[in-house]
Amino acid sequence: MANTELENRISFAGHKNVFEAIERHDPEAAGQAMREHLENARRKFNPGQSKPD
């Protein structure tokens, strides 16, 4: 599956947010950024699947 430029930018932004939070020594922000990044990936690869509880 080829990524569009927009998908690449969104993915990169997610990685950047996680990295920057870790760099700031902010575990809460890092965790939140990682959850958001993973949720974006889940929606991309399983678009018809609802969010797990």
PDB file of N, CA and C in Angstrom:
ATOM      1  N   MET A   1       0.840  -1.160   0.000  1.00  0.00           N
ATOM      2  CA  MET A   1       0.000   0.000   0.000  1.00  0.00           C
ATOM      3  C   MET A   1       0.898   1.240   0.000  1.00  0.00           C
ATOM      4  N   ALA A   2       0.764   2.054  -1.005  1.00  0.00           N
ATOM      5  CA  ALA A   2       1.568   3.272  -1.106  1.00  0.00           C
ATOM      6  C   ALA A   2       0.934   4.375  -0.273  1.00  0.00           C
ATOM      7  N   ASN A   3       1.765   5.128   0.397  1.00  0.00           N
ATOM      8  CA  ASN A   3       1.288   6.260   1.187  1.00  0.00           C
ATOM      9  C   ASN A   3       1.211   7.501   0.309  1.00  0.00           C
ATOM     10  N   THR A   4       0.186   8.299   0.561  1.00  0.00           N
ATOM     11  CA  THR A   4       0.112   9.592  -0.106  1.00  0.00           C
ATOM     12  C   THR A   4       1.030  10.565   0.638  1.00  0.00           C
ATOM     13  N   GLU A   5       1.308  11.692   0.037  1.00  0.00           N
ATOM     14  CA  GLU A   5       2.143  12.689   0.712  1.00  0.00           C
ATOM     15  C   GLU A   5       1.475  13.160   1.998  1.00  0.00           C
ATOM     16  N   LEU A   6       0.164  13.321   1.980  1.00  0.00           N
ATOM     17  CA  LEU A   6      -0.553  13.742   3.191  1.00  0.00           C
ATOM     18  C   LEU A   6      -0.402  12.697   4.293  1.00  0.00           C
ATOM     19  N   GLU A   7      -0.557  11.418   3.958  1.00  0.00           N
ATOM     20  CA  GLU A   7      -0.387  10.358   4.956  1.00  0.00           C
ATOM     21  C   GLU A   7       1.027  10.367   5.526  1.00  0.00           C
ATOM     22  N   ASN A   8       2.006  10.587   4.675  1.00  0.00           N
ATOM     23  CA  ASN A   8       3.392  10.654   5.150  1.00  0.00           C
ATOM     24  C   ASN A   8       3.590  11.825   6.091  1.00  0.00           C
ATOM     25  N   ARG A   9       2.999  12.960   5.777  1.00  0.00           N
ATOM     26  CA  ARG A   9       3.139  14.139   6.633  1.00  0.00           C
ATOM     27  C   ARG A   9       2.463  13.913   7.992  1.00  0.00           C
ATOM     28  N   ILE A  10       1.294  13.290   7.983  1.00  0.00           N
ATOM     29  CA  ILE A  10       0.579  13.003   9.229  1.00  0.00           C
ATOM     30  C   ILE A  10       1.388  12.034  10.080  1.00  0.00           C
ATOM     31  N   SER A  11       1.919  10.996   9.455  1.00  0.00           N
ATOM     32  CA  SER A  11       2.724  10.017  10.182  1.00  0.00           C
ATOM     33  C   SER A  11       3.980  10.659  10.759  1.00  0.00           C
ATOM     34  N   PHE A  12       4.646  11.462   9.953  1.00  0.00           N
ATOM     35  CA  PHE A  12       5.854  12.137  10.426  1.00  0.00           C
ATOM     36  C   PHE A  12       5.538  13.052  11.607  1.00  0.00           C
ATOM     37  N   ALA A  13       4.437  13.784  11.518  1.00  0.00           N
ATOM     38  CA  ALA A  13       4.043  14.677  12.609  1.00  0.00           C
ATOM     39  C   ALA A  13       3.794  13.886  13.889  1.00  0.00           C
ATOM     40  N   GLY A  14       3.190  12.707  13.760  1.00  0.00           N
ATOM     41  CA  GLY A  14       2.955  11.861  14.927  1.00  0.00           C
ATOM     42  C   GLY A  14       4.263  11.425  15.564  1.00  0.00           C
ATOM     43  N   HIS A  15       5.197  10.976  14.747  1.00  0.00           N
ATOM     44  CA  HIS A  15       6.507  10.577  15.274  1.00  0.00           C
ATOM     45  C   HIS A  15       7.214  11.766  15.931  1.00  0.00           C
ATOM     46  N   LYS A  16       7.125  12.914  15.285  1.00  0.00           N
ATOM     47  CA  LYS A  16       7.786  14.121  15.799  1.00  0.00           C
ATOM     48  C   LYS A  16       7.206  14.516  17.155  1.00  0.00           C
ATOM     49  N   ASN A  17       5.881  14.435  17.288  1.00  0.00           N
ATOM     50  CA  ASN A  17       5.242  14.781  18.562  1.00  0.00           C
ATOM     51  C   ASN A  17       5.705  13.862  19.688  1.00  0.00           C
ATOM     52  N   VAL A  18       5.797  12.583  19.395  1.00  0.00           N
ATOM     53  CA  VAL A  18       6.281  11.628  20.402  1.00  0.00           C
ATOM     54  C   VAL A  18       7.724  11.957  20.772  1.00  0.00           C
ATOM     55  N   PHE A  19       8.563  12.136  19.778  1.00  0.00           N
ATOM     56  CA  PHE A  19       9.978  12.428  20.019  1.00  0.00           C
ATOM     57  C   PHE A  19      10.150  13.698  20.846  1.00  0.00           C
ATOM     58  N   GLU A  20       9.442  14.749  20.479  1.00  0.00           N
ATOM     59  CA  GLU A  20       9.597  16.019  21.190  1.00  0.00           C
ATOM     60  C   GLU A  20       9.141  15.917  22.642  1.00  0.00           C
ATOM     61  N   ALA A  21       8.087  15.172  22.904  1.00  0.00           N
ATOM     62  CA  ALA A  21       7.624  14.988  24.280  1.00  0.00           C
ATOM     63  C   ALA A  21       8.653  14.208  25.093  1.00  0.00           C
ATOM     64  N   ILE A  22       9.240  13.198  24.488  1.00  0.00           N
ATOM     65  CA  ILE A  22      10.292  12.436  25.175  1.00  0.00           C
ATOM     66  C   ILE A  22      11.492  13.342  25.430  1.00  0.00           C
ATOM     67  N   GLU A  23      11.845  14.119  24.447  1.00  0.00           N
ATOM     68  CA  GLU A  23      12.984  15.031  24.592  1.00  0.00           C
ATOM     69  C   GLU A  23      12.755  16.044  25.731  1.00  0.00           C
ATOM     70  N   ARG A  24      11.487  16.446  25.933  1.00  0.00           N
ATOM     71  CA  ARG A  24      11.143  17.374  27.022  1.00  0.00           C
ATOM     72  C   ARG A  24      11.003  16.662  28.364  1.00  0.00           C
ATOM     73  N   HIS A  25      11.167  15.349  28.364  1.00  0.00           N
ATOM     74  CA  HIS A  25      10.993  14.540  29.582  1.00  0.00           C
ATOM     75  C   HIS A  25       9.572  14.669  30.114  1.00  0.00           C
ATOM     76  N   ASP A  26       8.603  14.584  29.181  1.00  0.00           N
ATOM     77  CA  ASP A  26       7.186  14.722  29.519  1.00  0.00           C
ATOM     78  C   ASP A  26       6.476  13.408  29.187  1.00  0.00           C
ATOM     79  N   PRO A  27       6.465  12.468  30.144  1.00  0.00           N
ATOM     80  CA  PRO A  27       5.896  11.149  29.828  1.00  0.00           C
ATOM     81  C   PRO A  27       4.400  11.184  29.524  1.00  0.00           C
ATOM     82  N   GLU A  28       3.661  12.083  30.153  1.00  0.00           N
ATOM     83  CA  GLU A  28       2.219  12.152  29.879  1.00  0.00           C
ATOM     84  C   GLU A  28       1.974  12.583  28.435  1.00  0.00           C
ATOM     85  N   ALA A  29       2.691  13.624  28.010  1.00  0.00           N
ATOM     86  CA  ALA A  29       2.538  14.092  26.627  1.00  0.00           C
ATOM     87  C   ALA A  29       3.036  13.043  25.635  1.00  0.00           C
ATOM     88  N   ALA A  30       4.118  12.357  25.976  1.00  0.00           N
ATOM     89  CA  ALA A  30       4.640  11.312  25.089  1.00  0.00           C
ATOM     90  C   ALA A  30       3.628  10.186  24.936  1.00  0.00           C
ATOM     91  N   GLY A  31       3.031   9.797  26.052  1.00  0.00           N
ATOM     92  CA  GLY A  31       2.025   8.739  25.996  1.00  0.00           C
ATOM     93  C   GLY A  31       0.818   9.147  25.173  1.00  0.00           C
ATOM     94  N   GLN A  32       0.363  10.375  25.370  1.00  0.00           N
ATOM     95  CA  GLN A  32      -0.788  10.866  24.610  1.00  0.00           C
ATOM     96  C   GLN A  32      -0.446  10.959  23.123  1.00  0.00           C
ATOM     97  N   ALA A  33       0.724  11.471  22.809  1.00  0.00           N
ATOM     98  CA  ALA A  33       1.139  11.574  21.406  1.00  0.00           C
ATOM     99  C   ALA A  33       1.238  10.190  20.768  1.00  0.00           C
ATOM    100  N   MET A  34       1.733   9.212  21.523  1.00  0.00           N
ATOM    101  CA  MET A  34       1.848   7.849  20.983  1.00  0.00           C
ATOM    102  C   MET A  34       0.470   7.248  20.761  1.00  0.00           C
ATOM    103  N   ARG A  35      -0.449   7.458  21.722  1.00  0.00           N
ATOM    104  CA  ARG A  35      -1.811   6.936  21.537  1.00  0.00           C
ATOM    105  C   ARG A  35      -2.465   7.541  20.298  1.00  0.00           C
ATOM    106  N   GLU A  36      -2.300   8.849  20.111  1.00  0.00           N
ATOM    107  CA  GLU A  36      -2.875   9.505  18.933  1.00  0.00           C
ATOM    108  C   GLU A  36      -2.247   8.968  17.648  1.00  0.00           C
ATOM    109  N   HIS A  37      -0.948   8.792  17.659  1.00  0.00           N
ATOM    110  CA  HIS A  37      -0.256   8.264  16.481  1.00  0.00           C
ATOM    111  C   HIS A  37      -0.742   6.851  16.148  1.00  0.00           C
ATOM    112  N   LEU A  38      -0.866   6.015  17.158  1.00  0.00           N
ATOM    113  CA  LEU A  38      -1.339   4.645  16.931  1.00  0.00           C
ATOM    114  C   LEU A  38      -2.791   4.619  16.475  1.00  0.00           C
ATOM    115  N   GLU A  39      -3.606   5.511  17.016  1.00  0.00           N
ATOM    116  CA  GLU A  39      -5.006   5.579  16.585  1.00  0.00           C
ATOM    117  C   GLU A  39      -5.087   5.994  15.119  1.00  0.00           C
ATOM    118  N   ASN A  40      -4.256   6.946  14.707  1.00  0.00           N
ATOM    119  CA  ASN A  40      -4.229   7.336  13.293  1.00  0.00           C
ATOM    120  C   ASN A  40      -3.827   6.153  12.414  1.00  0.00           C
ATOM    121  N   ALA A  41      -2.849   5.382  12.854  1.00  0.00           N
ATOM    122  CA  ALA A  41      -2.417   4.207  12.092  1.00  0.00           C
ATOM    123  C   ALA A  41      -3.531   3.167  12.048  1.00  0.00           C
ATOM    124  N   ARG A  42      -4.213   2.949  13.163  1.00  0.00           N
ATOM    125  CA  ARG A  42      -5.310   1.979  13.192  1.00  0.00           C
ATOM    126  C   ARG A  42      -6.402   2.381  12.209  1.00  0.00           C
ATOM    127  N   ARG A  43      -6.751   3.671  12.207  1.00  0.00           N
ATOM    128  CA  ARG A  43      -7.793   4.141  11.279  1.00  0.00           C
ATOM    129  C   ARG A  43      -7.351   3.969   9.829  1.00  0.00           C
ATOM    130  N   LYS A  44      -6.058   4.179   9.565  1.00  0.00           N
ATOM    131  CA  LYS A  44      -5.565   4.036   8.195  1.00  0.00           C
ATOM    132  C   LYS A  44      -5.616   2.581   7.728  1.00  0.00           C
ATOM    133  N   PHE A  45      -5.157   1.667   8.575  1.00  0.00           N
ATOM    134  CA  PHE A  45      -5.041   0.286   8.147  1.00  0.00           C
ATOM    135  C   PHE A  45      -6.295  -0.555   8.395  1.00  0.00           C
ATOM    136  N   ASN A  46      -7.191  -0.071   9.249  1.00  0.00           N
ATOM    137  CA  ASN A  46      -8.457  -0.769   9.518  1.00  0.00           C
ATOM    138  C   ASN A  46      -9.595   0.250   9.520  1.00  0.00           C
ATOM    139  N   PRO A  47      -9.864   0.870   8.372  1.00  0.00           N
ATOM    140  CA  PRO A  47     -10.818   1.980   8.339  1.00  0.00           C
ATOM    141  C   PRO A  47     -12.240   1.606   8.754  1.00  0.00           C
ATOM    142  N   GLY A  48     -12.655   0.380   8.573  1.00  0.00           N
ATOM    143  CA  GLY A  48     -14.013  -0.014   8.913  1.00  0.00           C
ATOM    144  C   GLY A  48     -14.168  -0.552  10.324  1.00  0.00           C
ATOM    145  N   GLN A  49     -13.083  -0.646  11.046  1.00  0.00           N
ATOM    146  CA  GLN A  49     -13.096  -1.242  12.377  1.00  0.00           C
ATOM    147  C   GLN A  49     -13.278  -0.155  13.425  1.00  0.00           C
ATOM    148  N   SER A  50     -14.178  -0.395  14.385  1.00  0.00           N
ATOM    149  CA  SER A  50     -14.380   0.592  15.448  1.00  0.00           C
ATOM    150  C   SER A  50     -13.227   0.544  16.431  1.00  0.00           C
ATOM    151  N   LYS A  51     -13.089   1.620  17.194  1.00  0.00           N
ATOM    152  CA  LYS A  51     -12.009   1.737  18.170  1.00  0.00           C
ATOM    153  C   LYS A  51     -12.216   0.724  19.288  1.00  0.00           C
ATOM    154  N   PRO A  52     -11.163  -0.019  19.657  1.00  0.00           N
ATOM    155  CA  PRO A  52     -11.290  -0.979  20.754  1.00  0.00           C
ATOM    156  C   PRO A  52     -11.474  -0.253  22.086  1.00  0.00           C
ATOM    157  N   ASP A  53     -12.160  -0.902  23.014  1.00  0.00           N
ATOM    158  CA  ASP A  53     -12.387  -0.312  24.342  1.00  0.00           C
ATOM    159  C   ASP A  53     -11.181  -0.434  25.222  1.00  0.00           C
TER     160      ASP A  53
END
